[in-house]
Amino acid sequence: MISEQSIPHRRADLLHYRLVDEMVVYDTVSSQAASLNETARILWELCDGTRTVNALSAELAEYFGIAIEETQSSVREAVEKLCELGLVSV
């Protein structure tokens, strides 16, 4: 379970290609690719192992000009999904 204090970090061995506002992330081990929309791309890029999920929520809230309360559950769910896809670890 991902908490607000979890510190996610993206896998360093993934290939990634930016396409306008999206990001294609390719896992050479599993030969699987994922296409991330703009918000997921921003979140994935911010998952560098230096921020908690709460800090990620705050950064996205500031980026989109909304209250942090509006981003917290979505960010937690998105980090869980990125973990399920094997794109980040906590």
PDB file of N, CA and C in Angstrom:
ATOM      1  N   MET A   1       0.843  -1.198   0.000  1.00  0.00           N
ATOM      2  CA  MET A   1       0.000   0.000   0.000  1.00  0.00           C
ATOM      3  C   MET A   1       0.875   1.243   0.000  1.00  0.00           C
ATOM      4  N   ILE A   2       0.562   2.148  -0.881  1.00  0.00           N
ATOM      5  CA  ILE A   2       1.300   3.397  -1.005  1.00  0.00           C
ATOM      6  C   ILE A   2       0.732   4.396   0.004  1.00  0.00           C
ATOM      7  N   SER A   3       1.622   5.032   0.752  1.00  0.00           N
ATOM      8  CA  SER A   3       1.195   6.065   1.694  1.00  0.00           C
ATOM      9  C   SER A   3       1.742   7.417   1.256  1.00  0.00           C
ATOM     10  N   GLU A   4       1.318   8.469   1.931  1.00  0.00           N
ATOM     11  CA  GLU A   4       1.808   9.808   1.609  1.00  0.00           C
ATOM     12  C   GLU A   4       3.302   9.944   1.863  1.00  0.00           C
ATOM     13  N   GLN A   5       3.856   9.080   2.727  1.00  0.00           N
ATOM     14  CA  GLN A   5       5.284   9.161   3.052  1.00  0.00           C
ATOM     15  C   GLN A   5       6.150   8.219   2.210  1.00  0.00           C
ATOM     16  N   SER A   6       5.533   7.410   1.351  1.00  0.00           N
ATOM     17  CA  SER A   6       6.285   6.536   0.458  1.00  0.00           C
ATOM     18  C   SER A   6       7.134   7.395  -0.484  1.00  0.00           C
ATOM     19  N   ILE A   7       8.304   6.881  -0.851  1.00  0.00           N
ATOM     20  CA  ILE A   7       9.204   7.606  -1.747  1.00  0.00           C
ATOM     21  C   ILE A   7       9.413   6.771  -3.013  1.00  0.00           C
ATOM     22  N   PRO A   8       8.653   7.060  -4.062  1.00  0.00           N
ATOM     23  CA  PRO A   8       8.780   6.291  -5.298  1.00  0.00           C
ATOM     24  C   PRO A   8       9.972   6.757  -6.138  1.00  0.00           C
ATOM     25  N   HIS A   9      10.551   5.816  -6.852  1.00  0.00           N
ATOM     26  CA  HIS A   9      11.620   6.157  -7.791  1.00  0.00           C
ATOM     27  C   HIS A   9      11.451   5.323  -9.055  1.00  0.00           C
ATOM     28  N   ARG A  10      11.683   5.975 -10.178  1.00  0.00           N
ATOM     29  CA  ARG A  10      11.519   5.281 -11.452  1.00  0.00           C
ATOM     30  C   ARG A  10      12.709   4.355 -11.689  1.00  0.00           C
ATOM     31  N   ARG A  11      12.454   3.307 -12.437  1.00  0.00           N
ATOM     32  CA  ARG A  11      13.518   2.361 -12.763  1.00  0.00           C
ATOM     33  C   ARG A  11      14.498   3.008 -13.733  1.00  0.00           C
ATOM     34  N   ALA A  12      15.767   2.851 -13.437  1.00  0.00           N
ATOM     35  CA  ALA A  12      16.808   3.482 -14.250  1.00  0.00           C
ATOM     36  C   ALA A  12      17.060   2.732 -15.557  1.00  0.00           C
ATOM     37  N   ASP A  13      16.657   1.472 -15.631  1.00  0.00           N
ATOM     38  CA  ASP A  13      16.974   0.658 -16.807  1.00  0.00           C
ATOM     39  C   ASP A  13      15.916   0.724 -17.903  1.00  0.00           C
ATOM     40  N   LEU A  14      14.932   1.591 -17.779  1.00  0.00           N
ATOM     41  CA  LEU A  14      13.875   1.709 -18.778  1.00  0.00           C
ATOM     42  C   LEU A  14      14.270   2.700 -19.867  1.00  0.00           C
ATOM     43  N   LEU A  15      13.891   2.392 -21.082  1.00  0.00           N
ATOM     44  CA  LEU A  15      14.059   3.344 -22.176  1.00  0.00           C
ATOM     45  C   LEU A  15      12.810   4.212 -22.225  1.00  0.00           C
ATOM     46  N   HIS A  16      12.968   5.477 -22.514  1.00  0.00           N
ATOM     47  CA  HIS A  16      11.802   6.349 -22.601  1.00  0.00           C
ATOM     48  C   HIS A  16      11.984   7.355 -23.727  1.00  0.00           C
ATOM     49  N   TYR A  17      10.853   7.634 -24.365  1.00  0.00           N
ATOM     50  CA  TYR A  17      10.826   8.530 -25.501  1.00  0.00           C
ATOM     51  C   TYR A  17       9.671   9.503 -25.329  1.00  0.00           C
ATOM     52  N   ARG A  18       9.977  10.758 -25.415  1.00  0.00           N
ATOM     53  CA  ARG A  18       8.933  11.767 -25.269  1.00  0.00           C
ATOM     54  C   ARG A  18       8.317  12.057 -26.633  1.00  0.00           C
ATOM     55  N   LEU A  19       7.000  12.058 -26.673  1.00  0.00           N
ATOM     56  CA  LEU A  19       6.246  12.363 -27.879  1.00  0.00           C
ATOM     57  C   LEU A  19       5.275  13.490 -27.557  1.00  0.00           C
ATOM     58  N   VAL A  20       5.628  14.704 -27.885  1.00  0.00           N
ATOM     59  CA  VAL A  20       4.856  15.896 -27.566  1.00  0.00           C
ATOM     60  C   VAL A  20       4.633  15.928 -26.050  1.00  0.00           C
ATOM     61  N   ASP A  21       3.397  15.744 -25.580  1.00  0.00           N
ATOM     62  CA  ASP A  21       3.115  15.777 -24.145  1.00  0.00           C
ATOM     63  C   ASP A  21       3.089  14.393 -23.516  1.00  0.00           C
ATOM     64  N   GLU A  22       3.245  13.354 -24.318  1.00  0.00           N
ATOM     65  CA  GLU A  22       3.194  11.990 -23.799  1.00  0.00           C
ATOM     66  C   GLU A  22       4.598  11.410 -23.682  1.00  0.00           C
ATOM     67  N   MET A  23       4.684  10.262 -23.017  1.00  0.00           N
ATOM     68  CA  MET A  23       5.949   9.560 -22.858  1.00  0.00           C
ATOM     69  C   MET A  23       5.691   8.082 -23.109  1.00  0.00           C
ATOM     70  N   VAL A  24       6.516   7.477 -23.929  1.00  0.00           N
ATOM     71  CA  VAL A  24       6.481   6.035 -24.119  1.00  0.00           C
ATOM     72  C   VAL A  24       7.647   5.470 -23.317  1.00  0.00           C
ATOM     73  N   VAL A  25       7.336   4.531 -22.428  1.00  0.00           N
ATOM     74  CA  VAL A  25       8.351   3.907 -21.585  1.00  0.00           C
ATOM     75  C   VAL A  25       8.426   2.440 -21.980  1.00  0.00           C
ATOM     76  N   TYR A  26       9.647   1.970 -22.258  1.00  0.00           N
ATOM     77  CA  TYR A  26       9.840   0.605 -22.736  1.00  0.00           C
ATOM     78  C   TYR A  26      10.755  -0.163 -21.789  1.00  0.00           C
ATOM     79  N   ASP A  27      10.280  -1.330 -21.387  1.00  0.00           N
ATOM     80  CA  ASP A  27      11.035  -2.228 -20.514  1.00  0.00           C
ATOM     81  C   ASP A  27      11.697  -3.280 -21.394  1.00  0.00           C
ATOM     82  N   THR A  28      13.018  -3.211 -21.539  1.00  0.00           N
ATOM     83  CA  THR A  28      13.735  -4.145 -22.415  1.00  0.00           C
ATOM     84  C   THR A  28      13.754  -5.558 -21.853  1.00  0.00           C
ATOM     85  N   VAL A  29      13.577  -5.709 -20.548  1.00  0.00           N
ATOM     86  CA  VAL A  29      13.569  -7.035 -19.929  1.00  0.00           C
ATOM     87  C   VAL A  29      12.282  -7.783 -20.281  1.00  0.00           C
ATOM     88  N   SER A  30      11.148  -7.110 -20.114  1.00  0.00           N
ATOM     89  CA  SER A  30       9.860  -7.764 -20.369  1.00  0.00           C
ATOM     90  C   SER A  30       9.326  -7.514 -21.774  1.00  0.00           C
ATOM     91  N   SER A  31       9.990  -6.639 -22.527  1.00  0.00           N
ATOM     92  CA  SER A  31       9.536  -6.234 -23.862  1.00  0.00           C
ATOM     93  C   SER A  31       8.138  -5.625 -23.826  1.00  0.00           C
ATOM     94  N   GLN A  32       7.834  -4.917 -22.746  1.00  0.00           N
ATOM     95  CA  GLN A  32       6.544  -4.254 -22.591  1.00  0.00           C
ATOM     96  C   GLN A  32       6.738  -2.745 -22.702  1.00  0.00           C
ATOM     97  N   ALA A  33       5.758  -2.087 -23.275  1.00  0.00           N
ATOM     98  CA  ALA A  33       5.783  -0.633 -23.394  1.00  0.00           C
ATOM     99  C   ALA A  33       4.544  -0.050 -22.742  1.00  0.00           C
ATOM    100  N   ALA A  34       4.674   1.161 -22.230  1.00  0.00           N
ATOM    101  CA  ALA A  34       3.543   1.875 -21.650  1.00  0.00           C
ATOM    102  C   ALA A  34       3.545   3.291 -22.212  1.00  0.00           C
ATOM    103  N   SER A  35       2.374   3.787 -22.521  1.00  0.00           N
ATOM    104  CA  SER A  35       2.219   5.154 -22.996  1.00  0.00           C
ATOM    105  C   SER A  35       1.627   5.976 -21.855  1.00  0.00           C
ATOM    106  N   LEU A  36       2.334   7.019 -21.452  1.00  0.00           N
ATOM    107  CA  LEU A  36       1.901   7.849 -20.336  1.00  0.00           C
ATOM    108  C   LEU A  36       1.366   9.173 -20.862  1.00  0.00           C
ATOM    109  N   ASN A  37       0.180   9.555 -20.395  1.00  0.00           N
ATOM    110  CA  ASN A  37      -0.357  10.858 -20.781  1.00  0.00           C
ATOM    111  C   ASN A  37       0.455  11.960 -20.097  1.00  0.00           C
ATOM    112  N   GLU A  38       0.106  13.197 -20.339  1.00  0.00           N
ATOM    113  CA  GLU A  38       0.895  14.318 -19.816  1.00  0.00           C
ATOM    114  C   GLU A  38       1.048  14.266 -18.298  1.00  0.00           C
ATOM    115  N   THR A  39      -0.042  14.052 -17.591  1.00  0.00           N
ATOM    116  CA  THR A  39       0.026  14.037 -16.132  1.00  0.00           C
ATOM    117  C   THR A  39       0.859  12.871 -15.625  1.00  0.00           C
ATOM    118  N   ALA A  40       0.647  11.681 -16.190  1.00  0.00           N
ATOM    119  CA  ALA A  40       1.429  10.512 -15.779  1.00  0.00           C
ATOM    120  C   ALA A  40       2.898  10.700 -16.127  1.00  0.00           C
ATOM    121  N   ARG A  41       3.183  11.337 -17.262  1.00  0.00           N
ATOM    122  CA  ARG A  41       4.564  11.609 -17.647  1.00  0.00           C
ATOM    123  C   ARG A  41       5.237  12.521 -16.639  1.00  0.00           C
ATOM    124  N   ILE A  42       4.554  13.599 -16.264  1.00  0.00           N
ATOM    125  CA  ILE A  42       5.109  14.526 -15.271  1.00  0.00           C
ATOM    126  C   ILE A  42       5.372  13.790 -13.966  1.00  0.00           C
ATOM    127  N   LEU A  43       4.399  13.016 -13.530  1.00  0.00           N
ATOM    128  CA  LEU A  43       4.545  12.269 -12.282  1.00  0.00           C
ATOM    129  C   LEU A  43       5.717  11.294 -12.374  1.00  0.00           C
ATOM    130  N   TRP A  44       5.809  10.532 -13.463  1.00  0.00           N
ATOM    131  CA  TRP A  44       6.891   9.568 -13.633  1.00  0.00           C
ATOM    132  C   TRP A  44       8.244  10.271 -13.605  1.00  0.00           C
ATOM    133  N   GLU A  45       8.344  11.425 -14.263  1.00  0.00           N
ATOM    134  CA  GLU A  45       9.601  12.173 -14.260  1.00  0.00           C
ATOM    135  C   GLU A  45       9.954  12.673 -12.866  1.00  0.00           C
ATOM    136  N   LEU A  46       8.952  13.025 -12.065  1.00  0.00           N
ATOM    137  CA  LEU A  46       9.203  13.507 -10.706  1.00  0.00           C
ATOM    138  C   LEU A  46       9.576  12.383  -9.733  1.00  0.00           C
ATOM    139  N   CYS A  47       9.287  11.145 -10.099  1.00  0.00           N
ATOM    140  CA  CYS A  47       9.605   9.999  -9.233  1.00  0.00           C
ATOM    141  C   CYS A  47      11.106   9.687  -9.332  1.00  0.00           C
ATOM    142  N   ASP A  48      11.916  10.532  -8.703  1.00  0.00           N
ATOM    143  CA  ASP A  48      13.365  10.378  -8.771  1.00  0.00           C
ATOM    144  C   ASP A  48      13.980   9.891  -7.465  1.00  0.00           C
ATOM    145  N   GLY A  49      13.117   9.473  -6.531  1.00  0.00           N
ATOM    146  CA  GLY A  49      13.609   8.958  -5.261  1.00  0.00           C
ATOM    147  C   GLY A  49      13.915  10.023  -4.229  1.00  0.00           C
ATOM    148  N   THR A  50      13.575  11.276  -4.521  1.00  0.00           N
ATOM    149  CA  THR A  50      13.847  12.356  -3.564  1.00  0.00           C
ATOM    150  C   THR A  50      12.570  12.948  -2.968  1.00  0.00           C
ATOM    151  N   ARG A  51      11.418  12.544  -3.482  1.00  0.00           N
ATOM    152  CA  ARG A  51      10.148  13.131  -3.036  1.00  0.00           C
ATOM    153  C   ARG A  51       9.211  12.065  -2.493  1.00  0.00           C
ATOM    154  N   THR A  52       8.479  12.422  -1.471  1.00  0.00           N
ATOM    155  CA  THR A  52       7.420  11.546  -0.977  1.00  0.00           C
ATOM    156  C   THR A  52       6.205  11.703  -1.890  1.00  0.00           C
ATOM    157  N   VAL A  53       5.251  10.811  -1.729  1.00  0.00           N
ATOM    158  CA  VAL A  53       4.010  10.920  -2.490  1.00  0.00           C
ATOM    159  C   VAL A  53       3.318  12.237  -2.153  1.00  0.00           C
ATOM    160  N   ASN A  54       3.387  12.659  -0.904  1.00  0.00           N
ATOM    161  CA  ASN A  54       2.797  13.931  -0.504  1.00  0.00           C
ATOM    162  C   ASN A  54       3.475  15.100  -1.226  1.00  0.00           C
ATOM    163  N   ALA A  55       4.798  15.047  -1.349  1.00  0.00           N
ATOM    164  CA  ALA A  55       5.522  16.101  -2.071  1.00  0.00           C
ATOM    165  C   ALA A  55       5.165  16.087  -3.554  1.00  0.00           C
ATOM    166  N   LEU A  56       4.991  14.895  -4.126  1.00  0.00           N
ATOM    167  CA  LEU A  56       4.565  14.792  -5.520  1.00  0.00           C
ATOM    168  C   LEU A  56       3.193  15.431  -5.704  1.00  0.00           C
ATOM    169  N   SER A  57       2.290  15.174  -4.755  1.00  0.00           N
ATOM    170  CA  SER A  57       0.946  15.764  -4.807  1.00  0.00           C
ATOM    171  C   SER A  57       1.029  17.282  -4.782  1.00  0.00           C
ATOM    172  N   ALA A  58       1.889  17.805  -3.924  1.00  0.00           N
ATOM    173  CA  ALA A  58       2.046  19.261  -3.804  1.00  0.00           C
ATOM    174  C   ALA A  58       2.592  19.855  -5.104  1.00  0.00           C
ATOM    175  N   GLU A  59       3.564  19.190  -5.711  1.00  0.00           N
ATOM    176  CA  GLU A  59       4.141  19.705  -6.961  1.00  0.00           C
ATOM    177  C   GLU A  59       3.128  19.693  -8.097  1.00  0.00           C
ATOM    178  N   LEU A  60       2.348  18.613  -8.193  1.00  0.00           N
ATOM    179  CA  LEU A  60       1.331  18.566  -9.240  1.00  0.00           C
ATOM    180  C   LEU A  60       0.225  19.584  -8.995  1.00  0.00           C
ATOM    181  N   ALA A  61      -0.146  19.773  -7.739  1.00  0.00           N
ATOM    182  CA  ALA A  61      -1.163  20.772  -7.411  1.00  0.00           C
ATOM    183  C   ALA A  61      -0.684  22.163  -7.830  1.00  0.00           C
ATOM    184  N   GLU A  62       0.573  22.459  -7.549  1.00  0.00           N
ATOM    185  CA  GLU A  62       1.131  23.758  -7.930  1.00  0.00           C
ATOM    186  C   GLU A  62       1.192  23.886  -9.455  1.00  0.00           C
ATOM    187  N   TYR A  63       1.626  22.831 -10.133  1.00  0.00           N
ATOM    188  CA  TYR A  63       1.739  22.847 -11.590  1.00  0.00           C
ATOM    189  C   TYR A  63       0.391  23.129 -12.251  1.00  0.00           C
ATOM    190  N   PHE A  64      -0.663  22.473 -11.752  1.00  0.00           N
ATOM    191  CA  PHE A  64      -1.986  22.628 -12.340  1.00  0.00           C
ATOM    192  C   PHE A  64      -2.808  23.745 -11.693  1.00  0.00           C
ATOM    193  N   GLY A  65      -2.259  24.399 -10.663  1.00  0.00           N
ATOM    194  CA  GLY A  65      -2.945  25.517 -10.030  1.00  0.00           C
ATOM    195  C   GLY A  65      -4.194  25.119  -9.275  1.00  0.00           C
ATOM    196  N   ILE A  66      -4.131  23.963  -8.596  1.00  0.00           N
ATOM    197  CA  ILE A  66      -5.273  23.485  -7.816  1.00  0.00           C
ATOM    198  C   ILE A  66      -4.822  23.171  -6.394  1.00  0.00           C
ATOM    199  N   ALA A  67      -5.781  22.926  -5.519  1.00  0.00           N
ATOM    200  CA  ALA A  67      -5.471  22.615  -4.122  1.00  0.00           C
ATOM    201  C   ALA A  67      -4.876  21.207  -4.010  1.00  0.00           C
ATOM    202  N   ILE A  68      -3.955  21.032  -3.094  1.00  0.00           N
ATOM    203  CA  ILE A  68      -3.301  19.736  -2.910  1.00  0.00           C
ATOM    204  C   ILE A  68      -4.314  18.641  -2.582  1.00  0.00           C
ATOM    205  N   GLU A  69      -5.389  18.996  -1.899  1.00  0.00           N
ATOM    206  CA  GLU A  69      -6.414  18.010  -1.554  1.00  0.00           C
ATOM    207  C   GLU A  69      -7.044  17.392  -2.804  1.00  0.00           C
ATOM    208  N   GLU A  70      -7.001  18.122  -3.901  1.00  0.00           N
ATOM    209  CA  GLU A  70      -7.564  17.624  -5.150  1.00  0.00           C
ATOM    210  C   GLU A  70      -6.632  16.634  -5.850  1.00  0.00           C
ATOM    211  N   THR A  71      -5.378  16.588  -5.450  1.00  0.00           N
ATOM    212  CA  THR A  71      -4.420  15.715  -6.135  1.00  0.00           C
ATOM    213  C   THR A  71      -4.006  14.497  -5.319  1.00  0.00           C
ATOM    214  N   GLN A  72      -4.164  14.529  -4.016  1.00  0.00           N
ATOM    215  CA  GLN A  72      -3.587  13.485  -3.163  1.00  0.00           C
ATOM    216  C   GLN A  72      -4.026  12.072  -3.503  1.00  0.00           C
ATOM    217  N   SER A  73      -5.311  11.817  -3.596  1.00  0.00           N
ATOM    218  CA  SER A  73      -5.743  10.444  -3.859  1.00  0.00           C
ATOM    219  C   SER A  73      -5.397  10.026  -5.283  1.00  0.00           C
ATOM    220  N   SER A  74      -5.484  10.952  -6.235  1.00  0.00           N
ATOM    221  CA  SER A  74      -5.138  10.629  -7.619  1.00  0.00           C
ATOM    222  C   SER A  74      -3.652  10.309  -7.767  1.00  0.00           C
ATOM    223  N   VAL A  75      -2.811  11.060  -7.092  1.00  0.00           N
ATOM    224  CA  VAL A  75      -1.372  10.807  -7.167  1.00  0.00           C
ATOM    225  C   VAL A  75      -1.048   9.464  -6.535  1.00  0.00           C
ATOM    226  N   ARG A  76      -1.636   9.180  -5.391  1.00  0.00           N
ATOM    227  CA  ARG A  76      -1.405   7.890  -4.734  1.00  0.00           C
ATOM    228  C   ARG A  76      -1.828   6.740  -5.657  1.00  0.00           C
ATOM    229  N   GLU A  77      -2.998   6.858  -6.273  1.00  0.00           N
ATOM    230  CA  GLU A  77      -3.477   5.824  -7.197  1.00  0.00           C
ATOM    231  C   GLU A  77      -2.565   5.704  -8.417  1.00  0.00           C
ATOM    232  N   ALA A  78      -2.096   6.832  -8.931  1.00  0.00           N
ATOM    233  CA  ALA A  78      -1.215   6.812 -10.100  1.00  0.00           C
ATOM    234  C   ALA A  78       0.123   6.154  -9.770  1.00  0.00           C
ATOM    235  N   VAL A  79       0.668   6.438  -8.593  1.00  0.00           N
ATOM    236  CA  VAL A  79       1.923   5.807  -8.183  1.00  0.00           C
ATOM    237  C   VAL A  79       1.714   4.304  -8.030  1.00  0.00           C
ATOM    238  N   GLU A  80       0.578   3.897  -7.470  1.00  0.00           N
ATOM    239  CA  GLU A  80       0.270   2.469  -7.358  1.00  0.00           C
ATOM    240  C   GLU A  80       0.219   1.821  -8.738  1.00  0.00           C
ATOM    241  N   LYS A  81      -0.390   2.495  -9.702  1.00  0.00           N
ATOM    242  CA  LYS A  81      -0.485   1.964 -11.064  1.00  0.00           C
ATOM    243  C   LYS A  81       0.897   1.889 -11.712  1.00  0.00           C
ATOM    244  N   LEU A  82       1.718   2.913 -11.525  1.00  0.00           N
ATOM    245  CA  LEU A  82       3.078   2.888 -12.062  1.00  0.00           C
ATOM    246  C   LEU A  82       3.888   1.748 -11.443  1.00  0.00           C
ATOM    247  N   CYS A  83       3.637   1.464 -10.173  1.00  0.00           N
ATOM    248  CA  CYS A  83       4.302   0.316  -9.519  1.00  0.00           C
ATOM    249  C   CYS A  83       3.814  -1.001 -10.135  1.00  0.00           C
ATOM    250  N   GLU A  84       2.503  -1.119 -10.331  1.00  0.00           N
ATOM    251  CA  GLU A  84       1.937  -2.324 -10.941  1.00  0.00           C
ATOM    252  C   GLU A  84       2.530  -2.585 -12.335  1.00  0.00           C
ATOM    253  N   LEU A  85       2.771  -1.498 -13.069  1.00  0.00           N
ATOM    254  CA  LEU A  85       3.335  -1.614 -14.406  1.00  0.00           C
ATOM    255  C   LEU A  85       4.844  -1.874 -14.371  1.00  0.00           C
ATOM    256  N   GLY A  86       5.426  -1.779 -13.190  1.00  0.00           N
ATOM    257  CA  GLY A  86       6.865  -2.007 -13.051  1.00  0.00           C
ATOM    258  C   GLY A  86       7.704  -0.813 -13.489  1.00  0.00           C
ATOM    259  N   LEU A  87       7.106   0.353 -13.554  1.00  0.00           N
ATOM    260  CA  LEU A  87       7.832   1.552 -14.001  1.00  0.00           C
ATOM    261  C   LEU A  87       8.476   2.307 -12.860  1.00  0.00           C
ATOM    262  N   VAL A  88       7.953   2.149 -11.655  1.00  0.00           N
ATOM    263  CA  VAL A  88       8.548   2.732 -10.457  1.00  0.00           C
ATOM    264  C   VAL A  88       8.545   1.711  -9.334  1.00  0.00           C
ATOM    265  N   SER A  89       9.375   1.965  -8.361  1.00  0.00           N
ATOM    266  CA  SER A  89       9.426   1.164  -7.131  1.00  0.00           C
ATOM    267  C   SER A  89       9.289   2.094  -5.947  1.00  0.00           C
ATOM    268  N   VAL A  90       8.832   1.547  -4.837  1.00  0.00           N
ATOM    269  CA  VAL A  90       8.694   2.342  -3.617  1.00  0.00           C
ATOM    270  C   VAL A  90       9.611   1.752  -2.567  1.00  0.00           C
TER     271      VAL A  90
END
